[in-house]
Amino acid sequence: VAIHHFPDGESKVTLPNTLDAEIIFCRSLDHPN
């Protein structure tokens, strides 16, 4: 996943244009907010 952080704290999350019908997300959730 590509994430761009703007100066005001907003995040823009970008995924590739083509993904399989089924995907698995993998991410640590320390500092989860």
Full PDB file with SEQRES, HELIX, SHEET, SSBOND, CRYST1, ORIGX, SCALE, CONECT and MASTER records, all heavy atoms in Angstrom:
SEQRES   1 A   33  VAL ALA ILE HIS HIS PHE PRO ASP GLY GLU SER LYS VAL          
SEQRES   2 A   33  THR LEU PRO ASN THR LEU ASP ALA GLU ILE ILE PHE CYS          
SEQRES   3 A   33  ARG SER LEU ASP HIS PRO ASN                                  
SHEET    1 AA1 2 ALA A   2  HIS A   5  0                                        
SHEET    2 AA1 2 SER A  11  THR A  14 -1                                        
CRYST1    1.000    1.000    1.000  90.00  90.00  90.00 P 1           1          
ORIGX1      1.000000  0.000000  0.000000        0.00000                         
ORIGX2      0.000000  1.000000  0.000000        0.00000                         
ORIGX3      0.000000  0.000000  1.000000        0.00000                         
SCALE1      1.000000  0.000000  0.000000        0.00000                         
SCALE2      0.000000  1.000000  0.000000        0.00000                         
SCALE3      0.000000  0.000000  1.000000        0.00000                         
ATOM      1  N   VAL A   1       0.859  -1.183   0.000  1.00  0.00           N  
ATOM      2  CA  VAL A   1       0.000   0.000   0.000  1.00  0.00           C  
ATOM      3  C   VAL A   1       0.897   1.235   0.000  1.00  0.00           C  
ATOM      4  O   VAL A   1       1.882   1.283   0.730  1.00  0.00           O  
ATOM      5  CB  VAL A   1      -0.892   0.012   1.266  1.00  0.00           C  
ATOM      6  CG1 VAL A   1      -1.683   1.300   1.366  1.00  0.00           C  
ATOM      7  CG2 VAL A   1      -1.814  -1.191   1.280  1.00  0.00           C  
ATOM      8  N   ALA A   2       0.565   2.221  -0.814  1.00  0.00           N  
ATOM      9  CA  ALA A   2       1.296   3.491  -0.804  1.00  0.00           C  
ATOM     10  C   ALA A   2       0.515   4.473   0.068  1.00  0.00           C  
ATOM     11  O   ALA A   2      -0.695   4.633  -0.107  1.00  0.00           O  
ATOM     12  CB  ALA A   2       1.436   4.036  -2.215  1.00  0.00           C  
ATOM     13  N   ILE A   3       1.201   5.101   1.012  1.00  0.00           N  
ATOM     14  CA  ILE A   3       0.550   6.072   1.896  1.00  0.00           C  
ATOM     15  C   ILE A   3       1.310   7.388   1.818  1.00  0.00           C  
ATOM     16  O   ILE A   3       2.522   7.427   2.004  1.00  0.00           O  
ATOM     17  CB  ILE A   3       0.521   5.581   3.351  1.00  0.00           C  
ATOM     18  CG1 ILE A   3      -0.252   4.269   3.447  1.00  0.00           C  
ATOM     19  CG2 ILE A   3      -0.116   6.640   4.253  1.00  0.00           C  
ATOM     20  CD1 ILE A   3      -0.264   3.664   4.825  1.00  0.00           C  
ATOM     21  N   HIS A   4       0.563   8.443   1.523  1.00  0.00           N  
ATOM     22  CA  HIS A   4       1.142   9.787   1.534  1.00  0.00           C  
ATOM     23  C   HIS A   4       0.552  10.521   2.729  1.00  0.00           C  
ATOM     24  O   HIS A   4      -0.669  10.534   2.924  1.00  0.00           O  
ATOM     25  CB  HIS A   4       0.800  10.535   0.239  1.00  0.00           C  
ATOM     26  CG  HIS A   4       1.266  11.950   0.256  1.00  0.00           C  
ATOM     27  ND1 HIS A   4       2.581  12.292   0.029  1.00  0.00           N  
ATOM     28  CD2 HIS A   4       0.611  13.111   0.493  1.00  0.00           C  
ATOM     29  CE1 HIS A   4       2.704  13.608   0.124  1.00  0.00           C  
ATOM     30  NE2 HIS A   4       1.521  14.122   0.395  1.00  0.00           N  
ATOM     31  N   HIS A   5       1.426  11.097   3.547  1.00  0.00           N  
ATOM     32  CA  HIS A   5       0.980  11.860   4.721  1.00  0.00           C  
ATOM     33  C   HIS A   5       1.067  13.351   4.405  1.00  0.00           C  
ATOM     34  O   HIS A   5       2.136  13.857   4.091  1.00  0.00           O  
ATOM     35  CB  HIS A   5       1.840  11.532   5.946  1.00  0.00           C  
ATOM     36  CG  HIS A   5       1.724  10.104   6.361  1.00  0.00           C  
ATOM     37  ND1 HIS A   5       0.667   9.619   7.093  1.00  0.00           N  
ATOM     38  CD2 HIS A   5       2.524   9.040   6.139  1.00  0.00           C  
ATOM     39  CE1 HIS A   5       0.824   8.333   7.306  1.00  0.00           C  
ATOM     40  NE2 HIS A   5       1.956   7.947   6.729  1.00  0.00           N  
ATOM     41  N   PHE A   6      -0.053  14.027   4.476  1.00  0.00           N  
ATOM     42  CA  PHE A   6      -0.109  15.465   4.249  1.00  0.00           C  
ATOM     43  C   PHE A   6       0.308  16.206   5.511  1.00  0.00           C  
ATOM     44  O   PHE A   6       0.225  15.658   6.613  1.00  0.00           O  
ATOM     45  CB  PHE A   6      -1.527  15.879   3.839  1.00  0.00           C  
ATOM     46  CG  PHE A   6      -1.941  15.353   2.487  1.00  0.00           C  
ATOM     47  CD1 PHE A   6      -2.687  14.185   2.384  1.00  0.00           C  
ATOM     48  CD2 PHE A   6      -1.565  16.012   1.326  1.00  0.00           C  
ATOM     49  CE1 PHE A   6      -3.059  13.693   1.149  1.00  0.00           C  
ATOM     50  CE2 PHE A   6      -1.932  15.523   0.085  1.00  0.00           C  
ATOM     51  CZ  PHE A   6      -2.685  14.359   0.000  1.00  0.00           C  
ATOM     52  N   PRO A   7       0.752  17.466   5.377  1.00  0.00           N  
ATOM     53  CA  PRO A   7       1.197  18.236   6.545  1.00  0.00           C  
ATOM     54  C   PRO A   7       0.140  18.396   7.636  1.00  0.00           C  
ATOM     55  O   PRO A   7       0.467  18.501   8.812  1.00  0.00           O  
ATOM     56  CB  PRO A   7       1.563  19.605   5.956  1.00  0.00           C  
ATOM     57  CG  PRO A   7       1.869  19.339   4.528  1.00  0.00           C  
ATOM     58  CD  PRO A   7       0.975  18.196   4.124  1.00  0.00           C  
ATOM     59  N   ASP A   8      -1.145  18.357   7.257  1.00  0.00           N  
ATOM     60  CA  ASP A   8      -2.200  18.523   8.258  1.00  0.00           C  
ATOM     61  C   ASP A   8      -2.555  17.212   8.977  1.00  0.00           C  
ATOM     62  O   ASP A   8      -3.469  17.173   9.782  1.00  0.00           O  
ATOM     63  CB  ASP A   8      -3.453  19.129   7.626  1.00  0.00           C  
ATOM     64  CG  ASP A   8      -4.121  18.211   6.617  1.00  0.00           C  
ATOM     65  OD1 ASP A   8      -3.571  17.126   6.313  1.00  0.00           O  
ATOM     66  OD2 ASP A   8      -5.212  18.575   6.123  1.00  0.00           O  
ATOM     67  N   GLY A   9      -1.807  16.129   8.655  1.00  0.00           N  
ATOM     68  CA  GLY A   9      -2.023  14.859   9.336  1.00  0.00           C  
ATOM     69  C   GLY A   9      -2.910  13.881   8.586  1.00  0.00           C  
ATOM     70  O   GLY A   9      -3.063  12.740   8.996  1.00  0.00           O  
ATOM     71  N   GLU A  10      -3.505  14.342   7.485  1.00  0.00           N  
ATOM     72  CA  GLU A  10      -4.328  13.443   6.681  1.00  0.00           C  
ATOM     73  C   GLU A  10      -3.455  12.426   5.963  1.00  0.00           C  
ATOM     74  O   GLU A  10      -2.296  12.695   5.675  1.00  0.00           O  
ATOM     75  CB  GLU A  10      -5.086  14.248   5.609  1.00  0.00           C  
ATOM     76  CG  GLU A  10      -6.522  14.503   5.928  1.00  0.00           C  
ATOM     77  CD  GLU A  10      -7.245  15.110   4.746  1.00  0.00           C  
ATOM     78  OE1 GLU A  10      -7.072  16.326   4.533  1.00  0.00           O  
ATOM     79  OE2 GLU A  10      -7.950  14.374   4.050  1.00  0.00           O  
ATOM     80  N   SER A  11      -4.042  11.278   5.648  1.00  0.00           N  
ATOM     81  CA  SER A  11      -3.339  10.233   4.905  1.00  0.00           C  
ATOM     82  C   SER A  11      -4.077   9.931   3.612  1.00  0.00           C  
ATOM     83  O   SER A  11      -5.308   9.832   3.609  1.00  0.00           O  
ATOM     84  CB  SER A  11      -3.264   8.938   5.717  1.00  0.00           C  
ATOM     85  OG  SER A  11      -2.546   9.124   6.900  1.00  0.00           O  
ATOM     86  N   LYS A  12      -3.326   9.788   2.529  1.00  0.00           N  
ATOM     87  CA  LYS A  12      -3.890   9.332   1.254  1.00  0.00           C  
ATOM     88  C   LYS A  12      -3.376   7.915   1.047  1.00  0.00           C  
ATOM     89  O   LYS A  12      -2.168   7.685   0.952  1.00  0.00           O  
ATOM     90  CB  LYS A  12      -3.449  10.220   0.098  1.00  0.00           C  
ATOM     91  CG  LYS A  12      -3.979   9.743  -1.238  1.00  0.00           C  
ATOM     92  CD  LYS A  12      -3.475  10.594  -2.380  1.00  0.00           C  
ATOM     93  CE  LYS A  12      -3.976  10.027  -3.696  1.00  0.00           C  
ATOM     94  NZ  LYS A  12      -3.390  10.741  -4.828  1.00  0.00           N  
ATOM     95  N   VAL A  13      -4.292   6.957   0.987  1.00  0.00           N  
ATOM     96  CA  VAL A  13      -3.950   5.548   0.840  1.00  0.00           C  
ATOM     97  C   VAL A  13      -4.226   5.134  -0.598  1.00  0.00           C  
ATOM     98  O   VAL A  13      -5.323   5.355  -1.114  1.00  0.00           O  
ATOM     99  CB  VAL A  13      -4.796   4.691   1.820  1.00  0.00           C  
ATOM    100  CG1 VAL A  13      -4.529   3.225   1.612  1.00  0.00           C  
ATOM    101  CG2 VAL A  13      -4.510   5.113   3.251  1.00  0.00           C  
ATOM    102  N   THR A  14      -3.224   4.557  -1.257  1.00  0.00           N  
ATOM    103  CA  THR A  14      -3.362   4.161  -2.653  1.00  0.00           C  
ATOM    104  C   THR A  14      -2.983   2.690  -2.815  1.00  0.00           C  
ATOM    105  O   THR A  14      -1.924   2.268  -2.368  1.00  0.00           O  
ATOM    106  CB  THR A  14      -2.458   5.017  -3.565  1.00  0.00           C  
ATOM    107  OG1 THR A  14      -2.738   6.400  -3.317  1.00  0.00           O  
ATOM    108  CG2 THR A  14      -2.696   4.715  -5.023  1.00  0.00           C  
ATOM    109  N   LEU A  15      -3.863   1.954  -3.465  1.00  0.00           N  
ATOM    110  CA  LEU A  15      -3.621   0.548  -3.795  1.00  0.00           C  
ATOM    111  C   LEU A  15      -3.400   0.420  -5.298  1.00  0.00           C  
ATOM    112  O   LEU A  15      -3.844   1.276  -6.069  1.00  0.00           O  
ATOM    113  CB  LEU A  15      -4.825  -0.306  -3.388  1.00  0.00           C  
ATOM    114  CG  LEU A  15      -5.079  -0.421  -1.897  1.00  0.00           C  
ATOM    115  CD1 LEU A  15      -6.467  -0.999  -1.645  1.00  0.00           C  
ATOM    116  CD2 LEU A  15      -4.034  -1.300  -1.259  1.00  0.00           C  
ATOM    117  N   PRO A  16      -2.751  -0.639  -5.738  1.00  0.00           N  
ATOM    118  CA  PRO A  16      -2.592  -0.852  -7.177  1.00  0.00           C  
ATOM    119  C   PRO A  16      -3.957  -0.939  -7.868  1.00  0.00           C  
ATOM    120  O   PRO A  16      -4.957  -1.325  -7.238  1.00  0.00           O  
ATOM    121  CB  PRO A  16      -1.866  -2.197  -7.272  1.00  0.00           C  
ATOM    122  CG  PRO A  16      -1.255  -2.407  -5.939  1.00  0.00           C  
ATOM    123  CD  PRO A  16      -2.129  -1.691  -4.951  1.00  0.00           C  
ATOM    124  N   ASN A  17      -3.999  -0.598  -9.146  1.00  0.00           N  
ATOM    125  CA  ASN A  17      -5.266  -0.621  -9.894  1.00  0.00           C  
ATOM    126  C   ASN A  17      -5.848  -2.019 -10.023  1.00  0.00           C  
ATOM    127  O   ASN A  17      -7.056  -2.184 -10.064  1.00  0.00           O  
ATOM    128  CB  ASN A  17      -5.080  -0.009 -11.287  1.00  0.00           C  
ATOM    129  CG  ASN A  17      -4.848   1.480 -11.215  1.00  0.00           C  
ATOM    130  OD1 ASN A  17      -5.327   2.147 -10.312  1.00  0.00           O  
ATOM    131  ND2 ASN A  17      -4.099   2.000 -12.168  1.00  0.00           N  
ATOM    132  N   THR A  18      -4.988  -3.009 -10.141  1.00  0.00           N  
ATOM    133  CA  THR A  18      -5.485  -4.369 -10.305  1.00  0.00           C  
ATOM    134  C   THR A  18      -5.087  -5.221  -9.112  1.00  0.00           C  
ATOM    135  O   THR A  18      -3.914  -5.354  -8.788  1.00  0.00           O  
ATOM    136  CB  THR A  18      -4.929  -5.015 -11.597  1.00  0.00           C  
ATOM    137  OG1 THR A  18      -3.502  -4.960 -11.566  1.00  0.00           O  
ATOM    138  CG2 THR A  18      -5.417  -4.280 -12.834  1.00  0.00           C  
ATOM    139  N   LEU A  19      -6.093  -5.746  -8.462  1.00  0.00           N  
ATOM    140  CA  LEU A  19      -5.894  -6.664  -7.340  1.00  0.00           C  
ATOM    141  C   LEU A  19      -6.724  -7.911  -7.603  1.00  0.00           C  
ATOM    142  O   LEU A  19      -7.736  -7.860  -8.292  1.00  0.00           O  
ATOM    143  CB  LEU A  19      -6.346  -6.026  -6.024  1.00  0.00           C  
ATOM    144  CG  LEU A  19      -5.499  -4.901  -5.455  1.00  0.00           C  
ATOM    145  CD1 LEU A  19      -6.205  -4.269  -4.260  1.00  0.00           C  
ATOM    146  CD2 LEU A  19      -4.140  -5.419  -5.039  1.00  0.00           C  
ATOM    147  N   ASP A  20      -6.299  -9.010  -7.025  1.00  0.00           N  
ATOM    148  CA  ASP A  20      -7.086 -10.230  -7.115  1.00  0.00           C  
ATOM    149  C   ASP A  20      -8.416 -10.021  -6.403  1.00  0.00           C  
ATOM    150  O   ASP A  20      -8.571  -9.110  -5.587  1.00  0.00           O  
ATOM    151  CB  ASP A  20      -6.337 -11.398  -6.474  1.00  0.00           C  
ATOM    152  CG  ASP A  20      -5.120 -11.829  -7.281  1.00  0.00           C  
ATOM    153  OD1 ASP A  20      -4.952 -11.364  -8.438  1.00  0.00           O  
ATOM    154  OD2 ASP A  20      -4.323 -12.618  -6.756  1.00  0.00           O  
ATOM    155  N   ALA A  21      -9.362 -10.905  -6.672  1.00  0.00           N  
ATOM    156  CA  ALA A  21     -10.682 -10.814  -6.034  1.00  0.00           C  
ATOM    157  C   ALA A  21     -10.581 -11.021  -4.531  1.00  0.00           C  
ATOM    158  O   ALA A  21     -11.370 -10.472  -3.765  1.00  0.00           O  
ATOM    159  CB  ALA A  21     -11.627 -11.840  -6.647  1.00  0.00           C  
ATOM    160  N   GLU A  22      -9.597 -11.814  -4.096  1.00  0.00           N  
ATOM    161  CA  GLU A  22      -9.398 -12.054  -2.676  1.00  0.00           C  
ATOM    162  C   GLU A  22      -7.990 -11.620  -2.299  1.00  0.00           C  
ATOM    163  O   GLU A  22      -7.028 -11.982  -2.968  1.00  0.00           O  
ATOM    164  CB  GLU A  22      -9.584 -13.534  -2.341  1.00  0.00           C  
ATOM    165  CG  GLU A  22     -10.997 -14.014  -2.562  1.00  0.00           C  
ATOM    166  CD  GLU A  22     -11.163 -15.477  -2.189  1.00  0.00           C  
ATOM    167  OE1 GLU A  22     -10.175 -16.126  -1.787  1.00  0.00           O  
ATOM    168  OE2 GLU A  22     -12.291 -15.960  -2.310  1.00  0.00           O  
ATOM    169  N   ILE A  23      -7.895 -10.828  -1.234  1.00  0.00           N  
ATOM    170  CA  ILE A  23      -6.592 -10.360  -0.750  1.00  0.00           C  
ATOM    171  C   ILE A  23      -6.542 -10.523   0.765  1.00  0.00           C  
ATOM    172  O   ILE A  23      -7.578 -10.640   1.429  1.00  0.00           O  
ATOM    173  CB  ILE A  23      -6.311  -8.888  -1.128  1.00  0.00           C  
ATOM    174  CG1 ILE A  23      -7.367  -7.954  -0.550  1.00  0.00           C  
ATOM    175  CG2 ILE A  23      -6.208  -8.719  -2.635  1.00  0.00           C  
ATOM    176  CD1 ILE A  23      -7.068  -6.486  -0.736  1.00  0.00           C  
ATOM    177  N   ILE A  24      -5.329 -10.544   1.285  1.00  0.00           N  
ATOM    178  CA  ILE A  24      -5.105 -10.579   2.727  1.00  0.00           C  
ATOM    179  C   ILE A  24      -4.328  -9.321   3.096  1.00  0.00           C  
ATOM    180  O   ILE A  24      -3.306  -9.032   2.479  1.00  0.00           O  
ATOM    181  CB  ILE A  24      -4.268 -11.814   3.127  1.00  0.00           C  
ATOM    182  CG1 ILE A  24      -5.007 -13.099   2.779  1.00  0.00           C  
ATOM    183  CG2 ILE A  24      -3.919 -11.760   4.613  1.00  0.00           C  
ATOM    184  CD1 ILE A  24      -4.147 -14.337   2.952  1.00  0.00           C  
ATOM    185  N   PHE A  25      -4.818  -8.563   4.073  1.00  0.00           N  
ATOM    186  CA  PHE A  25      -4.076  -7.414   4.576  1.00  0.00           C  
ATOM    187  C   PHE A  25      -3.190  -7.870   5.725  1.00  0.00           C  
ATOM    188  O   PHE A  25      -3.595  -8.688   6.547  1.00  0.00           O  
ATOM    189  CB  PHE A  25      -5.013  -6.308   5.072  1.00  0.00           C  
ATOM    190  CG  PHE A  25      -5.608  -5.487   3.973  1.00  0.00           C  
ATOM    191  CD1 PHE A  25      -6.914  -5.691   3.571  1.00  0.00           C  
ATOM    192  CD2 PHE A  25      -4.861  -4.514   3.339  1.00  0.00           C  
ATOM    193  CE1 PHE A  25      -7.472  -4.941   2.555  1.00  0.00           C  
ATOM    194  CE2 PHE A  25      -5.415  -3.756   2.316  1.00  0.00           C  
ATOM    195  CZ  PHE A  25      -6.718  -3.968   1.921  1.00  0.00           C  
ATOM    196  N   CYS A  26      -1.977  -7.320   5.770  1.00  0.00           N  
ATOM    197  CA  CYS A  26      -1.029  -7.662   6.822  1.00  0.00           C  
ATOM    198  C   CYS A  26      -0.434  -6.364   7.361  1.00  0.00           C  
ATOM    199  O   CYS A  26       0.215  -5.611   6.631  1.00  0.00           O  
ATOM    200  CB  CYS A  26       0.069  -8.553   6.252  1.00  0.00           C  
ATOM    201  SG  CYS A  26       1.324  -9.026   7.446  1.00  0.00           S  
ATOM    202  N   ARG A  27      -0.693  -6.099   8.658  1.00  0.00           N  
ATOM    203  CA  ARG A  27      -0.167  -4.882   9.265  1.00  0.00           C  
ATOM    204  C   ARG A  27      -0.110  -5.020  10.781  1.00  0.00           C  
ATOM    205  O   ARG A  27      -1.028  -5.567  11.394  1.00  0.00           O  
ATOM    206  CB  ARG A  27      -1.058  -3.690   8.926  1.00  0.00           C  
ATOM    207  CG  ARG A  27      -0.433  -2.395   9.442  1.00  0.00           C  
ATOM    208  CD  ARG A  27      -1.119  -1.198   8.932  1.00  0.00           C  
ATOM    209  NE  ARG A  27      -0.170  -0.088   8.959  1.00  0.00           N  
ATOM    210  CZ  ARG A  27      -0.487   1.160   8.768  1.00  0.00           C  
ATOM    211  NH1 ARG A  27      -1.719   1.479   8.509  1.00  0.00           N  
ATOM    212  NH2 ARG A  27       0.421   2.097   8.810  1.00  0.00           N  
ATOM    213  N   SER A  28       0.949  -4.530  11.356  1.00  0.00           N  
ATOM    214  CA  SER A  28       1.042  -4.474  12.803  1.00  0.00           C  
ATOM    215  C   SER A  28       0.099  -3.382  13.300  1.00  0.00           C  
ATOM    216  O   SER A  28      -0.053  -2.348  12.652  1.00  0.00           O  
ATOM    217  CB  SER A  28       2.475  -4.138  13.214  1.00  0.00           C  
ATOM    218  OG  SER A  28       2.524  -3.768  14.559  1.00  0.00           O  
ATOM    219  N   LEU A  29      -0.504  -3.597  14.436  1.00  0.00           N  
ATOM    220  CA  LEU A  29      -1.410  -2.577  14.965  1.00  0.00           C  
ATOM    221  C   LEU A  29      -0.927  -2.001  16.295  1.00  0.00           C  
ATOM    222  O   LEU A  29      -1.716  -1.618  17.150  1.00  0.00           O  
ATOM    223  CB  LEU A  29      -2.834  -3.134  15.092  1.00  0.00           C  
ATOM    224  CG  LEU A  29      -3.534  -3.375  13.766  1.00  0.00           C  
ATOM    225  CD1 LEU A  29      -4.915  -3.958  13.988  1.00  0.00           C  
ATOM    226  CD2 LEU A  29      -3.622  -2.112  12.938  1.00  0.00           C  
ATOM    227  N   ASP A  30       0.421  -1.921  16.453  1.00  0.00           N  
ATOM    228  CA  ASP A  30       0.912  -1.146  17.582  1.00  0.00           C  
ATOM    229  C   ASP A  30       0.615   0.319  17.252  1.00  0.00           C  
ATOM    230  O   ASP A  30       0.582   0.691  16.084  1.00  0.00           O  
ATOM    231  CB  ASP A  30       2.420  -1.381  17.797  1.00  0.00           C  
ATOM    232  CG  ASP A  30       3.264  -0.974  16.614  1.00  0.00           C  
ATOM    233  OD1 ASP A  30       2.905  -1.338  15.471  1.00  0.00           O  
ATOM    234  OD2 ASP A  30       4.276  -0.285  16.815  1.00  0.00           O  
ATOM    235  N   HIS A  31       0.335   1.137  18.216  1.00  0.00           N  
ATOM    236  CA  HIS A  31      -0.130   2.520  17.974  1.00  0.00           C  
ATOM    237  C   HIS A  31      -1.322   2.482  17.008  1.00  0.00           C  
ATOM    238  O   HIS A  31      -1.265   3.052  15.917  1.00  0.00           O  
ATOM    239  CB  HIS A  31       0.983   3.405  17.417  1.00  0.00           C  
ATOM    240  CG  HIS A  31       2.234   3.383  18.236  1.00  0.00           C  
ATOM    241  ND1 HIS A  31       2.321   3.968  19.474  1.00  0.00           N  
ATOM    242  CD2 HIS A  31       3.436   2.802  18.007  1.00  0.00           C  
ATOM    243  CE1 HIS A  31       3.529   3.771  19.964  1.00  0.00           C  
ATOM    244  NE2 HIS A  31       4.228   3.055  19.103  1.00  0.00           N  
ATOM    245  N   PRO A  32      -2.406   1.823  17.390  1.00  0.00           N  
ATOM    246  CA  PRO A  32      -3.481   1.513  16.452  1.00  0.00           C  
ATOM    247  C   PRO A  32      -4.313   2.687  15.954  1.00  0.00           C  
ATOM    248  O   PRO A  32      -4.906   2.574  14.887  1.00  0.00           O  
ATOM    249  CB  PRO A  32      -4.367   0.551  17.249  1.00  0.00           C  
ATOM    250  CG  PRO A  32      -4.130   0.914  18.667  1.00  0.00           C  
ATOM    251  CD  PRO A  32      -2.680   1.311  18.726  1.00  0.00           C  
ATOM    252  N   ASN A  33      -4.375   3.797  16.653  1.00  0.00           N  
ATOM    253  CA  ASN A  33      -5.272   4.871  16.225  1.00  0.00           C  
ATOM    254  C   ASN A  33      -5.024   5.305  14.788  1.00  0.00           C  
ATOM    255  O   ASN A  33      -5.943   5.351  13.980  1.00  0.00           O  
ATOM    256  CB  ASN A  33      -5.179   6.073  17.165  1.00  0.00           C  
ATOM    257  CG  ASN A  33      -5.815   5.795  18.506  1.00  0.00           C  
ATOM    258  OD1 ASN A  33      -6.500   4.794  18.676  1.00  0.00           O  
ATOM    259  ND2 ASN A  33      -5.573   6.656  19.462  1.00  0.00           N  
TER     260      ASN A  33                                                      
MASTER        0    0    0    0    2    0    0    6  259    1    0    3          
END                                                                             
